[in-house]
Amino acid sequence: MEREREMTENKNGTAVEPAVTDPVVAAALAQGPFHVALRAAIAARGLGLDRLRHHLRARDLNVSTTSLSYWQHGRTQPEHPSSIEAVTALEEILRLPRGSLRSLLGPKRARGPRSLRVKQRRPENVLGAGQPLRELCDQLPLAREHHLDVETQQVVVTIDGDGRDAEHDVTMLVTARRDGVDRYIAMFRGDPGCSIDDVRVVARRDCAIGRISRHHREPVLLAEIIFGTELAQGESHLFRFGVRDGTSNPANCFGQGFRYPVGHYTLQVRFDPSFIPLRVFGFAQSRLATVLHETGDIQLNDWLTAQLFRSNVDPGALGIGWEWPG
C-alpha cells in the first residue's frame, strides 16, 4: 500500500518527519484549535472527505464523512480510542508531523446519565398534561377514552435550516379495544413561538382528517384521524398522517408522551445540513416525574438523522434532545 507520508532522511539515513511548508497549516498546528488545523490540512492536501474516508478504511478505520465534517468544523471532536487512532492515521495521510493533530485535542466532555430540564419545553408539556389539554378534551371527549392499543408507532421529525420543528410524519398500527372504533385522536403541542392556527394536520395514507380543536391561548391542538371503516374489537388498522408547523422558535428537543403502553416505538429526528447540533442525546421521563432523565448520547448517521427505538414502552415519555452551537 502506498504511504502518503513523505519521509526524508538525515545524513545518517534515518527517516525524519515531513516538514510543513504551507504557512496556513503551520500556523494552525502551532496555535490550534484542533478543528481549524484539521480543516487547513485537508484543504492543503486537496482531498475530499470521501477520499479521506477511503484512505482510513484502507487502514481498517471506519470513520463516516459526517464525523470527519463534524471534526473539521468543531461540532464534535475525536474522543474514543478508535477515533484517536483515526487522527493518528490522518496525520500520516495529510503529511503532518506525528502527534501534531493529537496534541491539539482538548479534554473529553463529561459523559454518563444525568438529570436535566429542557429549557424550551417543560417536562409536563412532554407528557401532554395541563389545563389546555383538558379543555380541548371537552371538545373531543373520545380523547379521554382508551379505545385503541398502539402496536407500533413511527415518528419522523424534520428540523429545518433555522432549527425549527418543521414537520412530523407519523405511521401507526393500532388495534381496537371494542367494536365500532373508527378514529384516533392525535395531540400536537408546539414549541414556544408556535402559531397554532397555522399548524396543519394532513392525511397521508388510509385515513382522513376530521375535526381539529385548537387551544386559544396555548400552542396545543387535538385532531381526529378518521379510518374510513369501523373496527371490530381486536381488529387492526395501519395509517399515516403528518403535522406541519415551522412557525416556532428553534427547538432543542422532541418528546413523545404515552398515556398507555405501546408495543414498539421509533423516533427519527432529521436535521438540515445547514444547521447541525453540537450534540444529540436521548431522554426519558416517567409518568410522575418532573425532571427528564438523559439516557445517553446519540450519534447522527450520514443522513444527519438521530434515531431512537424502544419496545414495550410504559406510560411516560421518550424523546431526543440536542444542543445548538453558540
Protein backbone atom coordinates (compact mmCIF):
# COMPACT_ATOMS: atom_id res chain seq x y z
CA MET A 1 0.00 0.00 0.00
CA GLU A 2 1.25 3.44 -0.93
CA ARG A 3 2.37 5.52 2.03
CA GLU A 4 1.10 9.10 1.95
CA ARG A 5 3.73 10.36 4.44
CA GLU A 6 6.69 11.75 2.52
CA MET A 7 9.63 10.88 4.71
CA THR A 8 13.08 12.40 4.24
CA GLU A 9 16.41 11.16 5.52
CA ASN A 10 19.11 12.89 7.50
CA LYS A 11 22.81 12.41 6.91
CA ASN A 12 22.76 9.14 8.84
CA GLY A 13 19.96 7.73 6.67
CA THR A 14 17.39 7.98 9.45
CA ALA A 15 13.83 8.87 8.46
CA VAL A 16 12.58 12.19 9.81
CA GLU A 17 9.14 13.75 9.96
CA PRO A 18 7.88 15.74 6.95
CA ALA A 19 8.22 19.50 7.11
CA VAL A 20 5.06 21.57 6.96
CA THR A 21 5.62 24.03 4.12
CA ASP A 22 2.13 25.56 3.94
CA PRO A 23 2.17 28.66 6.22
CA VAL A 24 -1.56 28.43 6.96
CA VAL A 25 -1.26 24.82 8.08
CA ALA A 26 1.88 25.57 10.09
CA ALA A 27 0.16 28.43 11.91
CA ALA A 28 -2.93 26.35 12.60
CA LEU A 29 -0.86 23.49 14.01
CA ALA A 30 1.04 25.91 16.21
CA GLN A 31 -1.99 27.80 17.53
CA GLY A 32 -4.92 25.40 17.17
CA PRO A 33 -7.65 24.64 17.84
CA PHE A 34 -7.88 21.09 16.51
CA HIS A 35 -10.72 21.67 14.03
CA VAL A 36 -9.03 24.70 12.44
CA ALA A 37 -5.77 22.77 11.98
CA LEU A 38 -7.56 19.74 10.56
CA ARG A 39 -9.58 21.86 8.13
CA ALA A 40 -6.46 23.70 6.95
CA ALA A 41 -4.54 20.45 6.47
CA ILE A 42 -7.38 18.88 4.49
CA ALA A 43 -7.61 21.94 2.24
CA ALA A 44 -3.84 22.00 1.67
CA ARG A 45 -3.78 18.29 0.83
CA GLY A 46 -6.66 18.69 -1.63
CA LEU A 47 -8.52 15.56 -0.55
CA GLY A 48 -12.29 15.38 -0.30
CA LEU A 49 -13.96 13.76 2.73
CA ASP A 50 -14.95 10.72 0.69
CA ARG A 51 -11.33 10.23 -0.31
CA LEU A 52 -10.15 10.68 3.28
CA ARG A 53 -12.67 8.06 4.39
CA HIS A 54 -11.34 5.72 1.67
CA HIS A 55 -7.77 6.13 2.96
CA LEU A 56 -8.91 5.46 6.53
CA ARG A 57 -10.85 2.35 5.52
CA ALA A 58 -7.71 1.07 3.80
CA ARG A 59 -6.20 1.15 7.29
CA ASP A 60 -9.21 -0.69 8.78
CA LEU A 61 -10.52 2.52 10.35
CA ASN A 62 -14.20 3.19 9.73
CA VAL A 63 -14.99 6.91 10.10
CA SER A 64 -18.04 8.40 8.39
CA THR A 65 -17.83 11.51 6.24
CA THR A 66 -20.28 13.11 8.68
CA SER A 67 -17.84 12.57 11.56
CA LEU A 68 -14.98 13.98 9.50
CA SER A 69 -17.11 17.02 8.67
CA TYR A 70 -18.01 17.47 12.34
CA TRP A 71 -14.33 17.26 13.34
CA GLN A 72 -13.16 19.89 10.86
CA HIS A 73 -15.96 22.31 11.80
CA GLY A 74 -15.65 21.93 15.57
CA ARG A 75 -19.08 20.36 16.10
CA THR A 76 -17.53 17.32 17.77
CA GLN A 77 -14.02 16.16 18.45
CA PRO A 78 -12.42 12.69 18.41
CA GLU A 79 -12.60 11.09 21.86
CA HIS A 80 -12.96 7.33 21.62
CA PRO A 81 -9.79 5.22 21.18
CA SER A 82 -10.76 4.28 17.63
CA SER A 83 -11.23 7.96 16.79
CA ILE A 84 -7.84 8.86 18.26
CA GLU A 85 -6.33 6.10 16.14
CA ALA A 86 -8.01 7.67 13.12
CA VAL A 87 -6.45 11.04 13.98
CA THR A 88 -3.02 9.37 14.02
CA ALA A 89 -3.75 7.96 10.57
CA LEU A 90 -4.93 11.38 9.36
CA GLU A 91 -1.59 12.87 10.37
CA GLU A 92 0.06 10.40 8.01
CA ILE A 93 -2.47 10.81 5.20
CA LEU A 94 -2.28 14.62 5.39
CA ARG A 95 1.55 14.56 5.58
CA LEU A 96 1.74 16.15 9.01
CA PRO A 97 4.31 15.59 11.77
CA ARG A 98 3.43 12.73 14.07
CA GLY A 99 1.35 13.91 17.04
CA SER A 100 0.71 17.39 15.61
CA LEU A 101 -3.07 16.95 15.47
CA ARG A 102 -3.42 14.77 18.57
CA SER A 103 -1.68 17.40 20.67
CA LEU A 104 -4.48 19.86 19.84
CA LEU A 105 -7.31 17.69 21.16
CA GLY A 106 -8.94 19.20 24.22
CA PRO A 107 -10.23 17.34 27.28
CA LYS A 108 -13.14 14.95 26.96
CA ARG A 109 -16.65 16.13 27.81
CA ALA A 110 -18.25 14.63 30.87
CA ARG A 111 -20.36 11.60 29.96
CA GLY A 112 -22.97 9.40 31.59
CA PRO A 113 -26.57 9.73 32.71
CA ARG A 114 -27.65 12.93 34.37
CA SER A 115 -30.82 14.84 35.11
CA LEU A 116 -31.72 17.96 33.19
CA ARG A 117 -34.51 20.37 32.48
CA VAL A 118 -35.14 21.13 28.84
CA LYS A 119 -35.20 24.92 28.51
CA GLN A 120 -37.60 25.26 25.61
CA ARG A 121 -40.12 22.63 26.63
CA ARG A 122 -41.17 21.99 30.21
CA PRO A 123 -41.30 18.35 31.39
CA GLU A 124 -45.05 18.43 31.97
CA ASN A 125 -45.54 19.51 28.34
CA VAL A 126 -43.67 16.46 27.07
CA LEU A 127 -46.24 14.30 28.84
CA GLY A 128 -49.09 16.35 27.41
CA ALA A 129 -50.56 17.33 30.79
CA GLY A 130 -52.14 20.58 31.81
CA GLN A 131 -55.29 22.61 31.66
CA PRO A 132 -55.13 23.40 27.89
CA LEU A 133 -55.32 19.72 27.02
CA ARG A 134 -58.19 19.12 29.43
CA GLU A 135 -60.11 21.98 27.84
CA LEU A 136 -59.61 20.51 24.35
CA CYS A 137 -60.73 17.08 25.56
CA ASP A 138 -64.06 18.66 26.46
CA GLN A 139 -64.50 19.36 22.75
CA LEU A 140 -63.38 15.87 21.65
CA PRO A 141 -64.46 13.56 24.51
CA LEU A 142 -63.13 10.46 22.72
CA ALA A 143 -59.62 11.75 23.51
CA ARG A 144 -60.15 10.66 27.12
CA GLU A 145 -61.10 7.10 26.18
CA HIS A 146 -58.64 4.21 25.92
CA HIS A 147 -60.28 2.77 22.83
CA LEU A 148 -57.18 1.73 20.89
CA ASP A 149 -53.98 -0.17 21.64
CA VAL A 150 -50.92 1.17 19.80
CA GLU A 151 -48.96 -1.77 18.43
CA THR A 152 -46.33 0.27 16.58
CA GLN A 153 -45.70 3.99 16.19
CA GLN A 154 -43.05 5.55 13.97
CA VAL A 155 -42.45 9.30 14.08
CA VAL A 156 -40.09 11.14 11.73
CA VAL A 157 -39.37 14.75 12.78
CA THR A 158 -37.83 17.23 10.34
CA ILE A 159 -35.83 20.14 11.78
CA ASP A 160 -35.39 22.91 9.22
CA GLY A 161 -32.41 25.13 8.44
CA ASP A 162 -33.49 27.62 11.13
CA GLY A 163 -33.61 24.91 13.80
CA ARG A 164 -37.41 24.84 13.92
CA ASP A 165 -39.62 21.77 14.26
CA ALA A 166 -41.00 21.87 10.70
CA GLU A 167 -42.86 18.61 10.20
CA HIS A 168 -43.82 15.29 11.77
CA ASP A 169 -44.58 12.18 9.72
CA VAL A 170 -46.45 9.59 11.81
CA THR A 171 -47.17 5.97 10.92
CA MET A 172 -49.24 3.89 13.36
CA LEU A 173 -50.63 0.38 13.68
CA VAL A 174 -53.49 0.27 16.18
CA THR A 175 -55.87 -2.41 17.45
CA ALA A 176 -59.44 -1.70 18.61
CA ARG A 177 -60.28 -2.48 22.23
CA ARG A 178 -64.02 -2.53 21.48
CA ASP A 179 -66.36 -2.68 18.49
CA GLY A 180 -67.15 0.39 16.43
CA VAL A 181 -63.87 2.33 16.75
CA ASP A 182 -63.30 4.45 13.64
CA ARG A 183 -60.79 7.15 14.63
CA TYR A 184 -57.63 8.05 16.52
CA ILE A 185 -57.18 11.33 18.40
CA ALA A 186 -53.76 12.88 17.77
CA MET A 187 -52.29 15.57 20.01
CA PHE A 188 -49.72 18.17 18.96
CA ARG A 189 -48.02 20.70 21.24
CA GLY A 190 -45.83 23.28 19.54
CA ASP A 191 -42.60 24.79 20.80
CA PRO A 192 -42.54 28.35 22.17
CA GLY A 193 -43.41 30.80 19.43
CA CYS A 194 -45.64 28.33 17.59
CA SER A 195 -48.65 29.82 15.80
CA ILE A 196 -51.14 27.02 16.44
CA ASP A 197 -53.64 28.43 13.92
CA ASP A 198 -51.06 27.91 11.16
CA VAL A 199 -50.27 24.29 12.05
CA ARG A 200 -51.69 21.84 9.51
CA VAL A 201 -52.64 18.18 10.01
CA VAL A 202 -52.63 16.18 6.76
CA ALA A 203 -53.73 12.65 5.83
CA ARG A 204 -51.11 10.61 4.00
CA ARG A 205 -52.33 7.01 3.82
CA ASP A 206 -55.51 5.13 4.72
CA CYS A 207 -57.04 7.92 6.80
CA ALA A 208 -58.75 11.30 6.60
CA ILE A 209 -58.63 14.34 8.89
CA GLY A 210 -61.79 15.06 10.86
CA ARG A 211 -62.34 17.78 13.44
CA ILE A 212 -59.36 19.78 14.71
CA SER A 213 -59.61 21.62 18.03
CA ARG A 214 -57.02 24.33 18.70
CA HIS A 215 -56.46 25.99 22.05
CA HIS A 216 -56.98 29.75 22.03
CA ARG A 217 -54.09 30.54 24.40
CA GLU A 218 -51.55 27.70 24.21
CA PRO A 219 -49.93 26.05 21.12
CA VAL A 220 -51.92 22.82 21.53
CA LEU A 221 -54.31 21.01 19.21
CA LEU A 222 -56.24 17.74 19.04
CA ALA A 223 -57.10 16.21 15.65
CA GLU A 224 -59.38 13.35 14.64
CA ILE A 225 -57.68 10.85 12.33
CA ILE A 226 -60.56 9.02 10.60
CA PHE A 227 -60.02 5.40 9.48
CA GLY A 228 -62.85 5.24 6.94
CA THR A 229 -64.11 2.00 8.48
CA GLU A 230 -65.36 0.83 11.86
CA LEU A 231 -63.06 -1.66 13.55
CA ALA A 232 -64.36 -4.66 15.43
CA GLN A 233 -62.77 -5.50 18.77
CA GLY A 234 -59.31 -6.95 18.11
CA GLU A 235 -59.18 -5.65 14.53
CA SER A 236 -56.16 -3.56 13.48
CA HIS A 237 -55.61 -0.60 11.17
CA LEU A 238 -52.40 0.84 9.69
CA PHE A 239 -52.40 4.53 8.75
CA ARG A 240 -50.14 7.51 8.22
CA PHE A 241 -50.60 11.24 8.78
CA GLY A 242 -48.47 14.36 9.10
CA VAL A 243 -48.28 17.59 11.11
CA ARG A 244 -46.74 20.68 9.51
CA ASP A 245 -45.51 23.54 11.66
CA GLY A 246 -42.31 25.53 11.11
CA THR A 247 -43.69 28.59 12.95
CA SER A 248 -41.97 28.20 16.32
CA ASN A 249 -38.65 29.27 17.78
CA PRO A 250 -35.68 26.92 17.30
CA ALA A 251 -36.39 23.65 19.09
CA ASN A 252 -34.00 21.76 21.35
CA CYS A 253 -35.93 18.51 21.78
CA PHE A 254 -38.80 16.36 20.59
CA GLY A 255 -40.66 14.37 23.22
CA GLN A 256 -43.46 11.83 22.85
CA GLY A 257 -45.85 11.28 25.75
CA PHE A 258 -47.56 7.93 26.34
CA ARG A 259 -50.74 7.61 28.42
CA TYR A 260 -50.88 3.85 27.81
CA PRO A 261 -48.32 1.15 26.91
CA VAL A 262 -47.03 0.99 23.32
CA GLY A 263 -45.67 -2.16 21.68
CA HIS A 264 -42.90 -0.66 19.53
CA TYR A 265 -41.88 2.99 19.20
CA THR A 266 -39.45 4.50 16.70
CA LEU A 267 -38.37 8.14 16.64
CA GLN A 268 -36.18 9.72 13.97
CA VAL A 269 -35.10 13.36 14.04
CA ARG A 270 -33.62 14.67 10.80
CA PHE A 271 -31.51 17.83 10.75
CA ASP A 272 -30.92 20.24 7.89
CA PRO A 273 -27.27 20.22 6.71
CA SER A 274 -27.08 24.00 7.17
CA PHE A 275 -27.82 23.86 10.92
CA ILE A 276 -26.38 20.84 12.72
CA PRO A 277 -26.44 20.42 16.53
CA LEU A 278 -23.28 20.08 18.56
CA ARG A 279 -24.61 17.14 20.49
CA VAL A 280 -27.66 14.85 20.39
CA PHE A 281 -28.95 12.66 23.24
CA GLY A 282 -31.91 10.56 24.27
CA PHE A 283 -34.10 11.23 27.29
CA ALA A 284 -36.91 9.59 29.22
CA GLN A 285 -39.46 10.69 31.78
CA SER A 286 -41.69 8.57 33.99
CA ARG A 287 -45.36 9.42 34.29
CA LEU A 288 -44.98 11.12 37.68
CA ALA A 289 -41.50 12.62 37.25
CA THR A 290 -40.94 16.36 36.92
CA VAL A 291 -37.41 16.02 35.51
CA LEU A 292 -36.27 14.48 32.25
CA HIS A 293 -33.53 11.88 32.62
CA GLU A 294 -30.84 11.79 29.95
CA THR A 295 -30.25 8.27 28.65
CA GLY A 296 -27.07 8.74 26.61
CA ASP A 297 -25.61 10.34 23.50
CA ILE A 298 -27.00 9.55 20.04
CA GLN A 299 -24.74 9.70 17.00
CA LEU A 300 -26.09 11.21 13.79
CA ASN A 301 -25.78 8.95 10.77
CA ASP A 302 -24.54 10.02 7.34
CA TRP A 303 -28.02 11.38 6.56
CA LEU A 304 -27.92 13.64 9.66
CA THR A 305 -30.63 11.58 11.35
CA ALA A 306 -30.80 10.68 15.05
CA GLN A 307 -32.73 7.51 15.85
CA LEU A 308 -34.32 6.03 18.96
CA PHE A 309 -36.04 2.61 19.19
CA ARG A 310 -37.94 1.11 22.12
CA SER A 311 -40.16 -1.93 22.65
CA ASN A 312 -42.76 -2.47 25.38
CA VAL A 313 -42.93 1.23 26.21
CA ASP A 314 -44.54 2.06 29.57
CA PRO A 315 -46.62 5.20 30.23
CA GLY A 316 -44.39 8.26 30.45
CA ALA A 317 -42.30 9.97 27.80
CA LEU A 318 -39.36 9.34 25.48
CA GLY A 319 -37.55 11.73 23.24
CA ILE A 320 -34.45 13.10 21.59
CA GLY A 321 -32.80 16.35 22.64
CA TRP A 322 -29.92 18.34 21.21
CA GLU A 323 -27.61 21.27 21.86
CA TRP A 324 -27.18 24.02 19.25
CA PRO A 325 -23.89 25.84 18.57
CA GLY A 326 -23.36 29.15 20.29
